[in-house]
Amino acid sequence: MEAIKLGSTTVGIATPEGTVLGVEKRVASPLLETSSIEKIMEIDRHIGCAMSGLTADARTMVDHARVTSQNHAFTYDENIKVESCTQAVCDLALRFGESVEDDDALMSRPFGVALLIAGVDEKGPQLYHTDPSGTFTRYDAKAIGSGSDAAQQSLQDAFHKVG
């Protein structure tokens, strides 16, 4: 959880027209190539996510979401629902400490990343927040990361739900 609190400030908003994700890019060195920092990733044509925390952990979770989404598309000939994709990511997070027979645990530690998963399906635009405990919650607007307290307050002050 500490990695998430120290991570880049990440904001997501779901509106009746679509979803928006934004992430602060921290450049720690003038020698760093800014285009190499990837904090917003596509899962499928209709689902994307933004991360705060350990980038390597986010890549593992996003790769799992991509495989799940493609398997769903090939099996059912339809796009996966945003909530189902989010559930698959959280199911992976819950596998921490799980072992197969007498082998070592599949994952030695919990993931150190939180994701904002945004997408559009037949239910319309949706935004979900996932955390390392494997829980997910739907939001209209959500901020995570180091500046999340101030950003969340700004979202609450400015966001007006329509309909």
N, C-alpha and C. Protein backbone atom coordinates (compact mmCIF):
# COMPACT_ATOMS: atom_id res chain seq x y z
N MET A 1 0.82 -1.19 0.00
CA MET A 1 0.00 0.00 0.00
C MET A 1 0.87 1.26 0.00
N GLU A 2 2.06 1.16 0.58
CA GLU A 2 2.95 2.32 0.63
C GLU A 2 3.39 2.73 -0.77
N ALA A 3 3.64 1.76 -1.64
CA ALA A 3 4.05 2.06 -3.01
C ALA A 3 2.96 2.84 -3.74
N ILE A 4 1.72 2.56 -3.43
CA ILE A 4 0.61 3.26 -4.07
C ILE A 4 0.52 4.69 -3.56
N LYS A 5 0.68 4.87 -2.25
CA LYS A 5 0.62 6.22 -1.67
C LYS A 5 1.74 7.11 -2.18
N LEU A 6 2.87 6.52 -2.54
CA LEU A 6 4.01 7.28 -3.04
C LEU A 6 4.02 7.37 -4.57
N GLY A 7 3.11 6.66 -5.22
CA GLY A 7 3.08 6.61 -6.68
C GLY A 7 2.52 7.88 -7.30
N SER A 8 2.55 7.92 -8.61
CA SER A 8 2.06 9.07 -9.37
C SER A 8 0.58 9.30 -9.10
N THR A 9 0.21 10.57 -9.04
CA THR A 9 -1.20 10.91 -8.89
C THR A 9 -1.93 10.52 -10.17
N THR A 10 -3.02 9.79 -10.01
CA THR A 10 -3.79 9.26 -11.13
C THR A 10 -5.25 9.59 -10.91
N VAL A 11 -5.91 10.07 -11.97
CA VAL A 11 -7.30 10.49 -11.87
C VAL A 11 -8.11 9.83 -12.98
N GLY A 12 -9.31 9.40 -12.64
CA GLY A 12 -10.23 8.85 -13.61
C GLY A 12 -11.61 9.45 -13.43
N ILE A 13 -12.30 9.70 -14.54
CA ILE A 13 -13.65 10.27 -14.50
C ILE A 13 -14.51 9.52 -15.52
N ALA A 14 -15.70 9.13 -15.09
CA ALA A 14 -16.68 8.52 -15.99
C ALA A 14 -17.81 9.52 -16.19
N THR A 15 -18.12 9.82 -17.44
CA THR A 15 -19.21 10.74 -17.78
C THR A 15 -20.22 9.97 -18.63
N PRO A 16 -21.38 10.54 -18.90
CA PRO A 16 -22.33 9.84 -19.78
C PRO A 16 -21.78 9.61 -21.19
N GLU A 17 -20.81 10.42 -21.62
CA GLU A 17 -20.26 10.31 -22.97
C GLU A 17 -19.06 9.37 -23.06
N GLY A 18 -18.38 9.11 -21.94
CA GLY A 18 -17.19 8.26 -21.98
C GLY A 18 -16.40 8.36 -20.69
N THR A 19 -15.17 7.88 -20.73
CA THR A 19 -14.31 7.91 -19.55
C THR A 19 -13.01 8.63 -19.90
N VAL A 20 -12.39 9.21 -18.87
CA VAL A 20 -11.13 9.93 -19.03
C VAL A 20 -10.17 9.45 -17.94
N LEU A 21 -8.93 9.19 -18.33
CA LEU A 21 -7.87 8.84 -17.38
C LEU A 21 -6.72 9.82 -17.54
N GLY A 22 -6.15 10.25 -16.42
CA GLY A 22 -5.00 11.15 -16.45
C GLY A 22 -4.00 10.75 -15.38
N VAL A 23 -2.72 10.84 -15.72
CA VAL A 23 -1.66 10.44 -14.79
C VAL A 23 -0.55 11.48 -14.80
N GLU A 24 -0.05 11.79 -13.61
CA GLU A 24 1.12 12.66 -13.46
C GLU A 24 2.35 11.87 -13.89
N LYS A 25 3.17 12.46 -14.77
CA LYS A 25 4.43 11.83 -15.17
C LYS A 25 5.55 12.53 -14.42
N ARG A 26 6.22 11.80 -13.56
CA ARG A 26 7.36 12.36 -12.82
C ARG A 26 8.64 12.06 -13.59
N VAL A 27 9.39 13.10 -13.87
CA VAL A 27 10.68 12.92 -14.53
C VAL A 27 11.75 13.19 -13.49
N ALA A 28 12.38 12.11 -13.01
CA ALA A 28 13.35 12.20 -11.92
C ALA A 28 14.73 12.64 -12.39
N SER A 29 14.97 12.57 -13.69
CA SER A 29 16.29 12.90 -14.21
C SER A 29 16.15 13.50 -15.60
N PRO A 30 16.97 14.51 -15.93
CA PRO A 30 16.92 15.06 -17.29
C PRO A 30 17.39 14.05 -18.34
N LEU A 31 18.03 12.99 -17.90
CA LEU A 31 18.50 11.95 -18.82
C LEU A 31 17.42 10.92 -19.15
N LEU A 32 16.32 10.98 -18.43
CA LEU A 32 15.24 10.02 -18.62
C LEU A 32 14.43 10.36 -19.86
N GLU A 33 14.20 9.38 -20.70
CA GLU A 33 13.36 9.55 -21.89
C GLU A 33 11.90 9.48 -21.45
N THR A 34 11.20 10.61 -21.51
CA THR A 34 9.83 10.68 -20.96
C THR A 34 8.86 9.75 -21.69
N SER A 35 9.11 9.46 -22.95
CA SER A 35 8.19 8.58 -23.68
C SER A 35 8.28 7.13 -23.19
N SER A 36 9.31 6.81 -22.40
CA SER A 36 9.44 5.44 -21.89
C SER A 36 8.60 5.20 -20.64
N ILE A 37 8.03 6.26 -20.07
CA ILE A 37 7.18 6.13 -18.89
C ILE A 37 5.76 5.87 -19.37
N GLU A 38 5.26 4.67 -19.09
CA GLU A 38 3.91 4.30 -19.53
C GLU A 38 3.05 4.02 -18.30
N LYS A 39 2.12 4.93 -18.02
CA LYS A 39 1.26 4.80 -16.85
C LYS A 39 -0.20 4.55 -17.23
N ILE A 40 -0.54 4.78 -18.50
CA ILE A 40 -1.88 4.49 -19.02
C ILE A 40 -1.73 3.43 -20.10
N MET A 41 -2.47 2.33 -19.95
CA MET A 41 -2.32 1.20 -20.86
C MET A 41 -3.66 0.74 -21.40
N GLU A 42 -3.65 0.25 -22.63
CA GLU A 42 -4.85 -0.31 -23.24
C GLU A 42 -4.94 -1.79 -22.90
N ILE A 43 -6.11 -2.21 -22.42
CA ILE A 43 -6.36 -3.63 -22.18
C ILE A 43 -7.02 -4.24 -23.41
N ASP A 44 -8.02 -3.56 -23.93
CA ASP A 44 -8.72 -3.97 -25.14
C ASP A 44 -9.21 -2.69 -25.82
N ARG A 45 -9.86 -2.82 -26.97
CA ARG A 45 -10.30 -1.62 -27.69
C ARG A 45 -11.26 -0.77 -26.87
N HIS A 46 -11.97 -1.38 -25.94
CA HIS A 46 -12.99 -0.66 -25.19
C HIS A 46 -12.65 -0.50 -23.70
N ILE A 47 -11.45 -0.93 -23.30
CA ILE A 47 -11.05 -0.85 -21.89
C ILE A 47 -9.59 -0.39 -21.80
N GLY A 48 -9.35 0.56 -20.90
CA GLY A 48 -7.99 1.00 -20.62
C GLY A 48 -7.80 1.10 -19.12
N CYS A 49 -6.58 1.32 -18.69
CA CYS A 49 -6.34 1.48 -17.26
C CYS A 49 -5.17 2.43 -17.01
N ALA A 50 -5.19 3.01 -15.84
CA ALA A 50 -4.11 3.87 -15.37
C ALA A 50 -3.65 3.32 -14.03
N MET A 51 -2.36 3.50 -13.72
CA MET A 51 -1.80 2.87 -12.53
C MET A 51 -1.08 3.85 -11.63
N SER A 52 -1.02 3.46 -10.36
CA SER A 52 -0.20 4.16 -9.38
C SER A 52 0.45 3.11 -8.51
N GLY A 53 1.76 3.14 -8.43
CA GLY A 53 2.49 2.14 -7.65
C GLY A 53 3.61 1.54 -8.47
N LEU A 54 3.86 0.27 -8.27
CA LEU A 54 4.96 -0.42 -8.94
C LEU A 54 4.59 -0.79 -10.38
N THR A 55 5.31 -0.20 -11.33
CA THR A 55 5.00 -0.39 -12.74
C THR A 55 5.09 -1.85 -13.17
N ALA A 56 6.07 -2.58 -12.68
CA ALA A 56 6.21 -3.99 -13.06
C ALA A 56 4.99 -4.80 -12.62
N ASP A 57 4.47 -4.51 -11.44
CA ASP A 57 3.26 -5.20 -10.97
C ASP A 57 2.07 -4.85 -11.86
N ALA A 58 1.99 -3.59 -12.27
CA ALA A 58 0.89 -3.17 -13.15
C ALA A 58 0.96 -3.91 -14.47
N ARG A 59 2.16 -4.07 -15.01
CA ARG A 59 2.30 -4.80 -16.28
C ARG A 59 1.82 -6.24 -16.16
N THR A 60 2.13 -6.87 -15.05
CA THR A 60 1.67 -8.25 -14.82
C THR A 60 0.15 -8.31 -14.80
N MET A 61 -0.47 -7.37 -14.10
CA MET A 61 -1.93 -7.36 -14.00
C MET A 61 -2.58 -7.02 -15.34
N VAL A 62 -2.01 -6.07 -16.07
CA VAL A 62 -2.55 -5.68 -17.37
C VAL A 62 -2.40 -6.83 -18.37
N ASP A 63 -1.27 -7.51 -18.35
CA ASP A 63 -1.10 -8.67 -19.24
C ASP A 63 -2.15 -9.73 -18.95
N HIS A 64 -2.44 -9.98 -17.67
CA HIS A 64 -3.48 -10.94 -17.29
C HIS A 64 -4.85 -10.48 -17.80
N ALA A 65 -5.13 -9.19 -17.67
CA ALA A 65 -6.40 -8.64 -18.15
C ALA A 65 -6.52 -8.78 -19.67
N ARG A 66 -5.42 -8.53 -20.37
CA ARG A 66 -5.43 -8.66 -21.83
C ARG A 66 -5.71 -10.10 -22.27
N VAL A 67 -5.05 -11.04 -21.64
CA VAL A 67 -5.27 -12.46 -21.97
C VAL A 67 -6.71 -12.86 -21.67
N THR A 68 -7.21 -12.44 -20.52
CA THR A 68 -8.60 -12.75 -20.15
C THR A 68 -9.57 -12.15 -21.16
N SER A 69 -9.33 -10.91 -21.57
CA SER A 69 -10.20 -10.24 -22.52
C SER A 69 -10.19 -10.95 -23.88
N GLN A 70 -9.01 -11.33 -24.35
CA GLN A 70 -8.92 -12.03 -25.64
C GLN A 70 -9.54 -13.42 -25.57
N ASN A 71 -9.32 -14.13 -24.48
CA ASN A 71 -9.95 -15.45 -24.31
C ASN A 71 -11.47 -15.33 -24.34
N HIS A 72 -12.00 -14.30 -23.69
CA HIS A 72 -13.45 -14.08 -23.69
C HIS A 72 -13.93 -13.81 -25.12
N ALA A 73 -13.21 -12.96 -25.84
CA ALA A 73 -13.61 -12.62 -27.21
C ALA A 73 -13.60 -13.85 -28.11
N PHE A 74 -12.58 -14.69 -28.01
CA PHE A 74 -12.51 -15.89 -28.85
C PHE A 74 -13.56 -16.92 -28.46
N THR A 75 -13.85 -17.04 -27.17
CA THR A 75 -14.80 -18.04 -26.70
C THR A 75 -16.24 -17.64 -26.98
N TYR A 76 -16.57 -16.38 -26.71
CA TYR A 76 -17.97 -15.94 -26.78
C TYR A 76 -18.28 -15.02 -27.96
N ASP A 77 -17.28 -14.65 -28.75
CA ASP A 77 -17.45 -13.77 -29.89
C ASP A 77 -18.11 -12.44 -29.50
N GLU A 78 -17.68 -11.90 -28.37
CA GLU A 78 -18.16 -10.61 -27.89
C GLU A 78 -17.08 -9.98 -27.02
N ASN A 79 -17.17 -8.67 -26.84
CA ASN A 79 -16.24 -7.99 -25.95
C ASN A 79 -16.56 -8.33 -24.50
N ILE A 80 -15.51 -8.44 -23.70
CA ILE A 80 -15.70 -8.68 -22.27
C ILE A 80 -16.29 -7.43 -21.61
N LYS A 81 -17.12 -7.63 -20.62
CA LYS A 81 -17.69 -6.50 -19.88
C LYS A 81 -16.59 -5.87 -19.03
N VAL A 82 -16.68 -4.57 -18.81
CA VAL A 82 -15.67 -3.86 -18.03
C VAL A 82 -15.58 -4.44 -16.62
N GLU A 83 -16.72 -4.73 -16.01
CA GLU A 83 -16.72 -5.29 -14.66
C GLU A 83 -16.09 -6.68 -14.63
N SER A 84 -16.35 -7.50 -15.63
CA SER A 84 -15.77 -8.85 -15.69
C SER A 84 -14.25 -8.79 -15.83
N CYS A 85 -13.76 -7.86 -16.63
CA CYS A 85 -12.32 -7.68 -16.78
C CYS A 85 -11.69 -7.24 -15.46
N THR A 86 -12.35 -6.32 -14.78
CA THR A 86 -11.88 -5.84 -13.48
C THR A 86 -11.86 -6.99 -12.47
N GLN A 87 -12.90 -7.80 -12.49
CA GLN A 87 -12.97 -8.96 -11.58
C GLN A 87 -11.81 -9.92 -11.83
N ALA A 88 -11.45 -10.12 -13.09
CA ALA A 88 -10.33 -11.02 -13.42
C ALA A 88 -9.01 -10.49 -12.86
N VAL A 89 -8.82 -9.17 -12.93
CA VAL A 89 -7.61 -8.56 -12.37
C VAL A 89 -7.57 -8.75 -10.86
N CYS A 90 -8.70 -8.56 -10.21
CA CYS A 90 -8.77 -8.71 -8.75
C CYS A 90 -8.61 -10.17 -8.33
N ASP A 91 -9.10 -11.09 -9.15
CA ASP A 91 -8.90 -12.52 -8.86
C ASP A 91 -7.41 -12.86 -8.86
N LEU A 92 -6.65 -12.26 -9.77
CA LEU A 92 -5.20 -12.47 -9.80
C LEU A 92 -4.56 -11.93 -8.52
N ALA A 93 -4.99 -10.76 -8.07
CA ALA A 93 -4.45 -10.17 -6.84
C ALA A 93 -4.71 -11.07 -5.64
N LEU A 94 -5.82 -11.79 -5.65
CA LEU A 94 -6.16 -12.66 -4.53
C LEU A 94 -5.33 -13.95 -4.49
N ARG A 95 -4.58 -14.21 -5.53
CA ARG A 95 -3.79 -15.46 -5.59
C ARG A 95 -2.49 -15.37 -4.81
N PHE A 96 -2.23 -14.23 -4.17
CA PHE A 96 -1.03 -14.07 -3.35
C PHE A 96 -1.00 -15.13 -2.26
N GLY A 97 0.14 -15.79 -2.11
CA GLY A 97 0.29 -16.80 -1.06
C GLY A 97 -0.26 -18.16 -1.41
N GLU A 98 -0.96 -18.27 -2.53
CA GLU A 98 -1.55 -19.54 -2.96
C GLU A 98 -0.44 -20.45 -3.48
N SER A 99 -0.54 -21.72 -3.19
CA SER A 99 0.47 -22.65 -3.70
C SER A 99 -0.19 -23.84 -4.37
N VAL A 100 0.57 -24.46 -5.25
CA VAL A 100 0.10 -25.65 -5.94
C VAL A 100 0.76 -26.85 -5.27
N GLU A 101 -0.04 -27.70 -4.64
CA GLU A 101 0.44 -28.86 -3.88
C GLU A 101 1.50 -28.41 -2.88
N ASP A 102 2.70 -28.96 -2.95
CA ASP A 102 3.74 -28.61 -1.98
C ASP A 102 4.76 -27.63 -2.54
N ASP A 103 4.48 -27.09 -3.72
CA ASP A 103 5.41 -26.14 -4.33
C ASP A 103 5.37 -24.81 -3.59
N ASP A 104 6.32 -23.96 -3.92
CA ASP A 104 6.35 -22.63 -3.34
C ASP A 104 5.14 -21.83 -3.81
N ALA A 105 4.85 -20.77 -3.10
CA ALA A 105 3.72 -19.92 -3.45
C ALA A 105 3.91 -19.36 -4.86
N LEU A 106 2.79 -19.17 -5.58
CA LEU A 106 2.86 -18.61 -6.92
C LEU A 106 3.38 -17.19 -6.90
N MET A 107 2.99 -16.42 -5.90
CA MET A 107 3.46 -15.04 -5.74
C MET A 107 3.94 -14.87 -4.31
N SER A 108 5.11 -14.33 -4.16
CA SER A 108 5.71 -14.23 -2.82
C SER A 108 5.24 -13.01 -2.04
N ARG A 109 4.61 -12.05 -2.72
CA ARG A 109 4.15 -10.83 -2.05
C ARG A 109 2.92 -10.29 -2.77
N PRO A 110 2.16 -9.46 -2.09
CA PRO A 110 1.01 -8.84 -2.77
C PRO A 110 1.48 -7.85 -3.83
N PHE A 111 0.63 -7.56 -4.77
CA PHE A 111 0.96 -6.54 -5.76
C PHE A 111 1.04 -5.18 -5.08
N GLY A 112 1.96 -4.35 -5.53
CA GLY A 112 2.12 -3.00 -4.98
C GLY A 112 1.61 -1.96 -5.95
N VAL A 113 0.41 -2.15 -6.44
CA VAL A 113 -0.15 -1.24 -7.43
C VAL A 113 -1.66 -1.15 -7.26
N ALA A 114 -2.19 0.02 -7.54
CA ALA A 114 -3.64 0.23 -7.63
C ALA A 114 -3.93 0.63 -9.08
N LEU A 115 -5.05 0.18 -9.59
CA LEU A 115 -5.43 0.49 -10.97
C LEU A 115 -6.76 1.23 -11.00
N LEU A 116 -6.89 2.13 -11.95
CA LEU A 116 -8.18 2.67 -12.34
C LEU A 116 -8.48 2.06 -13.70
N ILE A 117 -9.50 1.23 -13.76
CA ILE A 117 -9.87 0.56 -15.01
C ILE A 117 -11.12 1.25 -15.54
N ALA A 118 -11.01 1.75 -16.77
CA ALA A 118 -12.09 2.52 -17.38
C ALA A 118 -12.45 1.90 -18.73
N GLY A 119 -13.74 1.91 -19.02
CA GLY A 119 -14.16 1.36 -20.30
C GLY A 119 -15.63 1.63 -20.57
N VAL A 120 -16.05 1.19 -21.74
CA VAL A 120 -17.43 1.36 -22.16
C VAL A 120 -17.95 0.02 -22.67
N ASP A 121 -19.11 -0.39 -22.17
CA ASP A 121 -19.78 -1.58 -22.69
C ASP A 121 -21.27 -1.29 -22.76
N GLU A 122 -22.11 -2.35 -22.81
CA GLU A 122 -23.55 -2.10 -22.95
C GLU A 122 -24.16 -1.37 -21.75
N LYS A 123 -23.48 -1.36 -20.61
CA LYS A 123 -23.94 -0.60 -19.44
C LYS A 123 -23.51 0.86 -19.52
N GLY A 124 -22.74 1.22 -20.53
CA GLY A 124 -22.25 2.58 -20.68
C GLY A 124 -20.85 2.74 -20.11
N PRO A 125 -20.38 3.99 -19.99
CA PRO A 125 -19.05 4.25 -19.45
C PRO A 125 -18.95 3.85 -17.98
N GLN A 126 -17.84 3.21 -17.62
CA GLN A 126 -17.65 2.75 -16.24
C GLN A 126 -16.21 2.99 -15.80
N LEU A 127 -16.04 3.23 -14.50
CA LEU A 127 -14.72 3.43 -13.90
C LEU A 127 -14.65 2.60 -12.63
N TYR A 128 -13.61 1.77 -12.52
CA TYR A 128 -13.41 0.94 -11.34
C TYR A 128 -12.04 1.20 -10.73
N HIS A 129 -11.98 1.14 -9.41
CA HIS A 129 -10.72 1.24 -8.68
C HIS A 129 -10.41 -0.13 -8.10
N THR A 130 -9.20 -0.63 -8.34
CA THR A 130 -8.76 -1.90 -7.75
C THR A 130 -7.61 -1.62 -6.79
N ASP A 131 -7.50 -2.45 -5.76
CA ASP A 131 -6.37 -2.31 -4.84
C ASP A 131 -5.71 -3.67 -4.61
N PRO A 132 -4.56 -3.70 -3.96
CA PRO A 132 -3.82 -4.97 -3.80
C PRO A 132 -4.57 -6.05 -3.02
N SER A 133 -5.60 -5.67 -2.27
CA SER A 133 -6.35 -6.67 -1.51
C SER A 133 -7.28 -7.49 -2.40
N GLY A 134 -7.42 -7.08 -3.65
CA GLY A 134 -8.30 -7.81 -4.57
C GLY A 134 -9.72 -7.27 -4.59
N THR A 135 -9.94 -6.12 -3.98
CA THR A 135 -11.28 -5.53 -4.00
C THR A 135 -11.37 -4.50 -5.12
N PHE A 136 -12.57 -4.33 -5.64
CA PHE A 136 -12.78 -3.28 -6.63
C PHE A 136 -14.10 -2.57 -6.34
N THR A 137 -14.12 -1.29 -6.69
CA THR A 137 -15.28 -0.45 -6.43
C THR A 137 -15.52 0.43 -7.65
N ARG A 138 -16.78 0.62 -8.00
CA ARG A 138 -17.13 1.49 -9.12
C ARG A 138 -17.26 2.93 -8.63
N TYR A 139 -16.75 3.86 -9.41
CA TYR A 139 -16.79 5.29 -9.08
C TYR A 139 -17.23 6.09 -10.30
N ASP A 140 -17.73 7.30 -10.03
CA ASP A 140 -17.94 8.28 -11.09
C ASP A 140 -16.65 9.06 -11.32
N ALA A 141 -15.89 9.29 -10.25
CA ALA A 141 -14.60 9.98 -10.32
C ALA A 141 -13.74 9.50 -9.16
N LYS A 142 -12.47 9.24 -9.43
CA LYS A 142 -11.58 8.70 -8.39
C LYS A 142 -10.16 9.16 -8.64
N ALA A 143 -9.45 9.46 -7.54
CA ALA A 143 -8.03 9.80 -7.59
C ALA A 143 -7.26 8.82 -6.71
N ILE A 144 -6.08 8.41 -7.16
CA ILE A 144 -5.20 7.54 -6.39
C ILE A 144 -3.78 8.09 -6.50
N GLY A 145 -2.90 7.63 -5.64
CA GLY A 145 -1.51 8.05 -5.70
C GLY A 145 -1.15 9.08 -4.65
N SER A 146 0.04 9.68 -4.81
CA SER A 146 0.57 10.56 -3.77
C SER A 146 -0.26 11.82 -3.56
N GLY A 147 -0.86 12.35 -4.58
CA GLY A 147 -1.68 13.55 -4.45
C GLY A 147 -3.16 13.26 -4.43
N SER A 148 -3.53 12.04 -4.05
CA SER A 148 -4.93 11.62 -4.17
C SER A 148 -5.88 12.37 -3.25
N ASP A 149 -5.42 12.74 -2.05
CA ASP A 149 -6.32 13.43 -1.11
C ASP A 149 -6.80 14.75 -1.69
N ALA A 150 -5.87 15.58 -2.15
CA ALA A 150 -6.23 16.88 -2.73
C ALA A 150 -7.00 16.71 -4.03
N ALA A 151 -6.56 15.76 -4.86
CA ALA A 151 -7.24 15.54 -6.14
C ALA A 151 -8.66 15.03 -5.93
N GLN A 152 -8.85 14.13 -4.96
CA GLN A 152 -10.19 13.60 -4.68
C GLN A 152 -11.10 14.71 -4.17
N GLN A 153 -10.57 15.59 -3.34
CA GLN A 153 -11.36 16.72 -2.84
C GLN A 153 -11.77 17.64 -3.99
N SER A 154 -10.85 17.89 -4.91
CA SER A 154 -11.17 18.72 -6.08
C SER A 154 -12.23 18.06 -6.94
N LEU A 155 -12.13 16.74 -7.11
CA LEU A 155 -13.15 16.02 -7.88
C LEU A 155 -14.51 16.12 -7.21
N GLN A 156 -14.54 15.97 -5.89
CA GLN A 156 -15.81 16.05 -5.16
C GLN A 156 -16.42 17.44 -5.25
N ASP A 157 -15.57 18.47 -5.23
CA ASP A 157 -16.06 19.84 -5.32
C ASP A 157 -16.58 20.17 -6.72
N ALA A 158 -15.93 19.63 -7.75
CA ALA A 158 -16.24 20.01 -9.12
C ALA A 158 -17.18 19.05 -9.84
N PHE A 159 -17.27 17.80 -9.41
CA PHE A 159 -18.04 16.80 -10.14
C PHE A 159 -19.52 16.92 -9.82
N HIS A 160 -20.30 17.02 -10.85
CA HIS A 160 -21.75 17.07 -10.70
C HIS A 160 -22.35 15.96 -11.55
N LYS A 161 -22.96 15.01 -10.90
CA LYS A 161 -23.53 13.86 -11.60
C LYS A 161 -24.75 14.30 -12.40
N VAL A 162 -24.79 13.86 -13.64
CA VAL A 162 -25.90 14.17 -14.53
C VAL A 162 -26.82 12.96 -14.59
N GLY A 163 -28.11 13.20 -14.46
CA GLY A 163 -29.08 12.12 -14.61
C GLY A 163 -29.17 11.34 -13.39
